[in-house]
Amino acid sequence: MAVRMALSRIFIREMTDMQIIELSEVDGLGRTFPIVIGLPEAFAIERRLNGIEIPRPQTHDLLASGINQMGGTLTSIVIHDLDDGTYYANLVIDQDGVEHAIDSRPSDAIALGIASGVPIYVAEEVLESACADPMLDIDNLGDPTSEFDIGFDDEEEHEDDG
């Protein structure tokens, strides 16, 4: 079973190869986990979150355009596997009622889907593994070059429910 997640934070350190995104569980136990990503993907995600237009398309823009030109719609991102510290994801694309799952790095999938609010899902067994043995404690990494807090906080969202 897949669990709905949301991008909650992004940490960018321009002088290192350790850029990090944090995913947080939308409903349920409030679990979070980090994924280390590359600097180009971090900048692409940050650019899309901030609505910054660029004069020429980057790879993620090219892929989005190709999907649309071929009559497809990106419907979700699914992180389905974790093997030896590497996450594996699929872009789920609907094309005329036919669903296609296309292999992708999670960072590329999120960079592609973030601008349009495409839902992110993580397989329960991946989430359990990631939370049981976290690679990083992102709250103790020192000062990033930039930190973008997405503002997603499940507790605030449900404070008025009780």
C-alpha atoms as a PDB file:
ATOM      1  CA  MET A   1       0.000   0.000   0.000  1.00  0.00           C
ATOM      2  CA  ALA A   2       1.295   3.464  -0.842  1.00  0.00           C
ATOM      3  CA  VAL A   3       1.278   6.369   1.635  1.00  0.00           C
ATOM      4  CA  ARG A   4       0.593   9.932   0.509  1.00  0.00           C
ATOM      5  CA  MET A   5       3.575  12.202   1.197  1.00  0.00           C
ATOM      6  CA  ALA A   6       4.354  15.863   0.622  1.00  0.00           C
ATOM      7  CA  LEU A   7       7.558  17.737   0.060  1.00  0.00           C
ATOM      8  CA  SER A   8       8.102  19.582   3.334  1.00  0.00           C
ATOM      9  CA  ARG A   9      11.624  21.026   3.142  1.00  0.00           C
ATOM     10  CA  ILE A  10      14.525  21.418   0.779  1.00  0.00           C
ATOM     11  CA  PHE A  11      18.099  22.101   1.875  1.00  0.00           C
ATOM     12  CA  ILE A  12      20.581  23.457  -0.654  1.00  0.00           C
ATOM     13  CA  ARG A  13      24.323  23.521   0.019  1.00  0.00           C
ATOM     14  CA  GLU A  14      26.000  24.912  -3.075  1.00  0.00           C
ATOM     15  CA  MET A  15      29.499  23.952  -1.934  1.00  0.00           C
ATOM     16  CA  THR A  16      28.781  20.236  -1.421  1.00  0.00           C
ATOM     17  CA  ASP A  17      27.079  17.350  -3.183  1.00  0.00           C
ATOM     18  CA  MET A  18      24.607  16.932  -0.315  1.00  0.00           C
ATOM     19  CA  GLN A  19      21.317  18.564  -1.267  1.00  0.00           C
ATOM     20  CA  ILE A  20      18.372  17.178   0.663  1.00  0.00           C
ATOM     21  CA  ILE A  21      14.619  17.073   0.291  1.00  0.00           C
ATOM     22  CA  GLU A  22      12.390  15.994   3.138  1.00  0.00           C
ATOM     23  CA  LEU A  23       9.103  14.207   2.562  1.00  0.00           C
ATOM     24  CA  SER A  24       6.409  14.206   5.260  1.00  0.00           C
ATOM     25  CA  GLU A  25       3.419  11.928   5.618  1.00  0.00           C
ATOM     26  CA  VAL A  26       0.182  13.743   4.770  1.00  0.00           C
ATOM     27  CA  ASP A  27      -2.159  11.674   6.956  1.00  0.00           C
ATOM     28  CA  GLY A  28      -1.357   9.108   9.567  1.00  0.00           C
ATOM     29  CA  LEU A  29       1.705   8.852  11.781  1.00  0.00           C
ATOM     30  CA  GLY A  30       3.492  12.031  10.702  1.00  0.00           C
ATOM     31  CA  ARG A  31       6.565  10.173   9.502  1.00  0.00           C
ATOM     32  CA  THR A  32       9.276  12.070   7.622  1.00  0.00           C
ATOM     33  CA  PHE A  33      12.463  11.115   5.842  1.00  0.00           C
ATOM     34  CA  PRO A  34      15.198  12.797   3.823  1.00  0.00           C
ATOM     35  CA  ILE A  35      16.416  11.975   0.332  1.00  0.00           C
ATOM     36  CA  VAL A  36      19.826  13.159  -0.843  1.00  0.00           C
ATOM     37  CA  ILE A  37      19.590  14.700  -4.319  1.00  0.00           C
ATOM     38  CA  GLY A  38      21.862  16.460  -6.791  1.00  0.00           C
ATOM     39  CA  LEU A  39      22.372  20.204  -6.995  1.00  0.00           C
ATOM     40  CA  PRO A  40      20.694  20.580 -10.437  1.00  0.00           C
ATOM     41  CA  GLU A  41      17.579  18.774  -9.167  1.00  0.00           C
ATOM     42  CA  ALA A  42      17.544  20.859  -5.976  1.00  0.00           C
ATOM     43  CA  PHE A  43      17.720  24.058  -8.018  1.00  0.00           C
ATOM     44  CA  ALA A  44      15.010  22.776 -10.381  1.00  0.00           C
ATOM     45  CA  ILE A  45      12.696  21.982  -7.462  1.00  0.00           C
ATOM     46  CA  GLU A  46      13.393  25.317  -5.780  1.00  0.00           C
ATOM     47  CA  ARG A  47      12.841  27.186  -9.075  1.00  0.00           C
ATOM     48  CA  ARG A  48       9.513  25.464  -9.647  1.00  0.00           C
ATOM     49  CA  LEU A  49       8.382  26.054  -6.044  1.00  0.00           C
ATOM     50  CA  ASN A  50       9.155  29.745  -6.412  1.00  0.00           C
ATOM     51  CA  GLY A  51       7.524  29.988  -9.851  1.00  0.00           C
ATOM     52  CA  ILE A  52      10.732  31.259 -11.456  1.00  0.00           C
ATOM     53  CA  GLU A  53      10.599  31.180 -15.239  1.00  0.00           C
ATOM     54  CA  ILE A  54      13.767  30.645 -17.243  1.00  0.00           C
ATOM     55  CA  PRO A  55      14.333  31.614 -20.881  1.00  0.00           C
ATOM     56  CA  ARG A  56      15.222  28.121 -22.139  1.00  0.00           C
ATOM     57  CA  PRO A  57      13.767  24.782 -21.024  1.00  0.00           C
ATOM     58  CA  GLN A  58      15.793  22.545 -18.760  1.00  0.00           C
ATOM     59  CA  THR A  59      15.567  18.753 -18.866  1.00  0.00           C
ATOM     60  CA  HIS A  60      12.548  18.603 -16.529  1.00  0.00           C
ATOM     61  CA  ASP A  61      10.746  21.224 -18.624  1.00  0.00           C
ATOM     62  CA  LEU A  62      11.563  19.266 -21.787  1.00  0.00           C
ATOM     63  CA  LEU A  63      10.154  16.071 -20.314  1.00  0.00           C
ATOM     64  CA  ALA A  64       6.974  17.832 -19.128  1.00  0.00           C
ATOM     65  CA  SER A  65       6.496  19.299 -22.597  1.00  0.00           C
ATOM     66  CA  GLY A  66       7.058  15.907 -24.236  1.00  0.00           C
ATOM     67  CA  ILE A  67       4.511  14.220 -21.970  1.00  0.00           C
ATOM     68  CA  ASN A  68       1.940  16.919 -22.753  1.00  0.00           C
ATOM     69  CA  GLN A  69       2.635  16.954 -26.504  1.00  0.00           C
ATOM     70  CA  MET A  70       2.078  13.188 -26.617  1.00  0.00           C
ATOM     71  CA  GLY A  71      -1.313  13.540 -24.934  1.00  0.00           C
ATOM     72  CA  GLY A  72      -0.177  12.393 -21.516  1.00  0.00           C
ATOM     73  CA  THR A  73      -0.782  13.747 -18.044  1.00  0.00           C
ATOM     74  CA  LEU A  74       1.489  13.165 -15.085  1.00  0.00           C
ATOM     75  CA  THR A  75      -0.904  11.908 -12.395  1.00  0.00           C
ATOM     76  CA  SER A  76       1.401  10.875  -9.548  1.00  0.00           C
ATOM     77  CA  ILE A  77       4.894  10.064  -8.379  1.00  0.00           C
ATOM     78  CA  VAL A  78       5.446   6.736  -6.636  1.00  0.00           C
ATOM     79  CA  ILE A  79       8.613   5.946  -4.689  1.00  0.00           C
ATOM     80  CA  HIS A  80       8.363   2.167  -4.759  1.00  0.00           C
ATOM     81  CA  ASP A  81      11.728   0.751  -3.680  1.00  0.00           C
ATOM     82  CA  LEU A  82      14.746   1.374  -1.458  1.00  0.00           C
ATOM     83  CA  ASP A  83      17.798  -0.734  -2.181  1.00  0.00           C
ATOM     84  CA  ASP A  84      21.187  -0.189  -0.535  1.00  0.00           C
ATOM     85  CA  GLY A  85      20.398   3.459   0.249  1.00  0.00           C
ATOM     86  CA  THR A  86      19.039   4.244  -3.232  1.00  0.00           C
ATOM     87  CA  TYR A  87      15.390   5.174  -3.745  1.00  0.00           C
ATOM     88  CA  TYR A  88      13.531   4.160  -6.918  1.00  0.00           C
ATOM     89  CA  ALA A  89      10.490   5.977  -8.267  1.00  0.00           C
ATOM     90  CA  ASN A  90       8.010   5.921 -11.120  1.00  0.00           C
ATOM     91  CA  LEU A  91       6.321   8.734 -12.960  1.00  0.00           C
ATOM     92  CA  VAL A  92       2.709   7.622 -13.375  1.00  0.00           C
ATOM     93  CA  ILE A  93       1.383   9.029 -16.634  1.00  0.00           C
ATOM     94  CA  ASP A  94      -2.138   8.737 -17.985  1.00  0.00           C
ATOM     95  CA  GLN A  95      -2.340   8.711 -21.777  1.00  0.00           C
ATOM     96  CA  ASP A  96      -5.860   8.367 -23.136  1.00  0.00           C
ATOM     97  CA  GLY A  97      -6.941   6.222 -20.191  1.00  0.00           C
ATOM     98  CA  VAL A  98      -3.857   4.004 -20.256  1.00  0.00           C
ATOM     99  CA  GLU A  99      -1.576   4.254 -17.235  1.00  0.00           C
ATOM    100  CA  HIS A 100       2.182   4.150 -17.830  1.00  0.00           C
ATOM    101  CA  ALA A 101       4.779   3.790 -15.060  1.00  0.00           C
ATOM    102  CA  ILE A 102       8.111   5.267 -16.141  1.00  0.00           C
ATOM    103  CA  ASP A 103      11.274   4.625 -14.128  1.00  0.00           C
ATOM    104  CA  SER A 104      12.707   7.796 -12.598  1.00  0.00           C
ATOM    105  CA  ARG A 105      14.953   9.054  -9.838  1.00  0.00           C
ATOM    106  CA  PRO A 106      12.757  10.496  -7.065  1.00  0.00           C
ATOM    107  CA  SER A 107      14.458  13.891  -7.378  1.00  0.00           C
ATOM    108  CA  ASP A 108      13.700  14.116 -11.102  1.00  0.00           C
ATOM    109  CA  ALA A 109      10.121  12.982 -10.549  1.00  0.00           C
ATOM    110  CA  ILE A 110       9.573  15.567  -7.814  1.00  0.00           C
ATOM    111  CA  ALA A 111      11.214  18.311  -9.884  1.00  0.00           C
ATOM    112  CA  LEU A 112       8.852  17.445 -12.725  1.00  0.00           C
ATOM    113  CA  GLY A 113       5.684  17.142 -10.651  1.00  0.00           C
ATOM    114  CA  ILE A 114       6.066  19.825  -7.989  1.00  0.00           C
ATOM    115  CA  ALA A 115       4.874  22.788 -10.075  1.00  0.00           C
ATOM    116  CA  SER A 116       1.529  21.179 -10.826  1.00  0.00           C
ATOM    117  CA  GLY A 117       0.930  19.710  -7.377  1.00  0.00           C
ATOM    118  CA  VAL A 118       1.136  16.089  -8.486  1.00  0.00           C
ATOM    119  CA  PRO A 119       0.705  13.783  -5.459  1.00  0.00           C
ATOM    120  CA  ILE A 120       3.696  11.862  -4.147  1.00  0.00           C
ATOM    121  CA  TYR A 121       3.221   8.340  -2.809  1.00  0.00           C
ATOM    122  CA  VAL A 122       5.725   6.116  -1.018  1.00  0.00           C
ATOM    123  CA  ALA A 123       5.332   2.356  -0.650  1.00  0.00           C
ATOM    124  CA  GLU A 124       4.714   1.463   3.004  1.00  0.00           C
ATOM    125  CA  GLU A 125       7.715  -0.883   3.142  1.00  0.00           C
ATOM    126  CA  VAL A 126       9.970   1.894   1.774  1.00  0.00           C
ATOM    127  CA  LEU A 127       8.625   4.360   4.322  1.00  0.00           C
ATOM    128  CA  GLU A 128       9.126   1.885   7.176  1.00  0.00           C
ATOM    129  CA  SER A 129      12.717   1.204   6.089  1.00  0.00           C
ATOM    130  CA  ALA A 130      13.525   4.882   5.601  1.00  0.00           C
ATOM    131  CA  CYS A 131      12.113   5.854   8.993  1.00  0.00           C
ATOM    132  CA  ALA A 132      13.686   2.897  10.837  1.00  0.00           C
ATOM    133  CA  ASP A 133      17.216   3.680   9.644  1.00  0.00           C
ATOM    134  CA  PRO A 134      17.397   7.337   8.636  1.00  0.00           C
ATOM    135  CA  MET A 135      20.506   8.197   6.613  1.00  0.00           C
ATOM    136  CA  LEU A 136      20.626  11.764   7.853  1.00  0.00           C
ATOM    137  CA  ASP A 137      19.510  13.901  10.715  1.00  0.00           C
ATOM    138  CA  ILE A 138      18.644  16.952   8.648  1.00  0.00           C
ATOM    139  CA  ASP A 139      18.086  19.123  11.687  1.00  0.00           C
ATOM    140  CA  ASN A 140      21.780  18.773  12.613  1.00  0.00           C
ATOM    141  CA  LEU A 141      23.465  19.451   9.278  1.00  0.00           C
ATOM    142  CA  GLY A 142      24.573  23.004   9.990  1.00  0.00           C
ATOM    143  CA  ASP A 143      23.545  26.026   7.976  1.00  0.00           C
ATOM    144  CA  PRO A 144      22.566  25.341   4.374  1.00  0.00           C
ATOM    145  CA  THR A 145      23.234  27.867   1.626  1.00  0.00           C
ATOM    146  CA  SER A 146      19.475  28.100   1.403  1.00  0.00           C
ATOM    147  CA  GLU A 147      16.642  26.292   3.122  1.00  0.00           C
ATOM    148  CA  PHE A 148      13.185  26.364   1.671  1.00  0.00           C
ATOM    149  CA  ASP A 149      10.483  25.304   4.125  1.00  0.00           C
ATOM    150  CA  ILE A 150       7.503  24.327   2.038  1.00  0.00           C
ATOM    151  CA  GLY A 151       5.128  25.061   4.889  1.00  0.00           C
ATOM    152  CA  PHE A 152       3.560  21.624   5.006  1.00  0.00           C
ATOM    153  CA  ASP A 153       2.880  20.629   8.602  1.00  0.00           C
ATOM    154  CA  ASP A 154       0.357  17.847   9.134  1.00  0.00           C
ATOM    155  CA  GLU A 155      -0.127  18.724  12.817  1.00  0.00           C
ATOM    156  CA  GLU A 156      -1.204  22.294  12.025  1.00  0.00           C
ATOM    157  CA  GLU A 157      -3.513  21.013   9.320  1.00  0.00           C
ATOM    158  CA  HIS A 158      -5.415  18.830  11.785  1.00  0.00           C
ATOM    159  CA  GLU A 159      -5.228  20.986  14.932  1.00  0.00           C
ATOM    160  CA  ASP A 160      -8.816  22.154  14.596  1.00  0.00           C
ATOM    161  CA  ASP A 161     -10.143  18.605  13.997  1.00  0.00           C
ATOM    162  CA  GLY A 162     -10.209  17.644  17.691  1.00  0.00           C
END
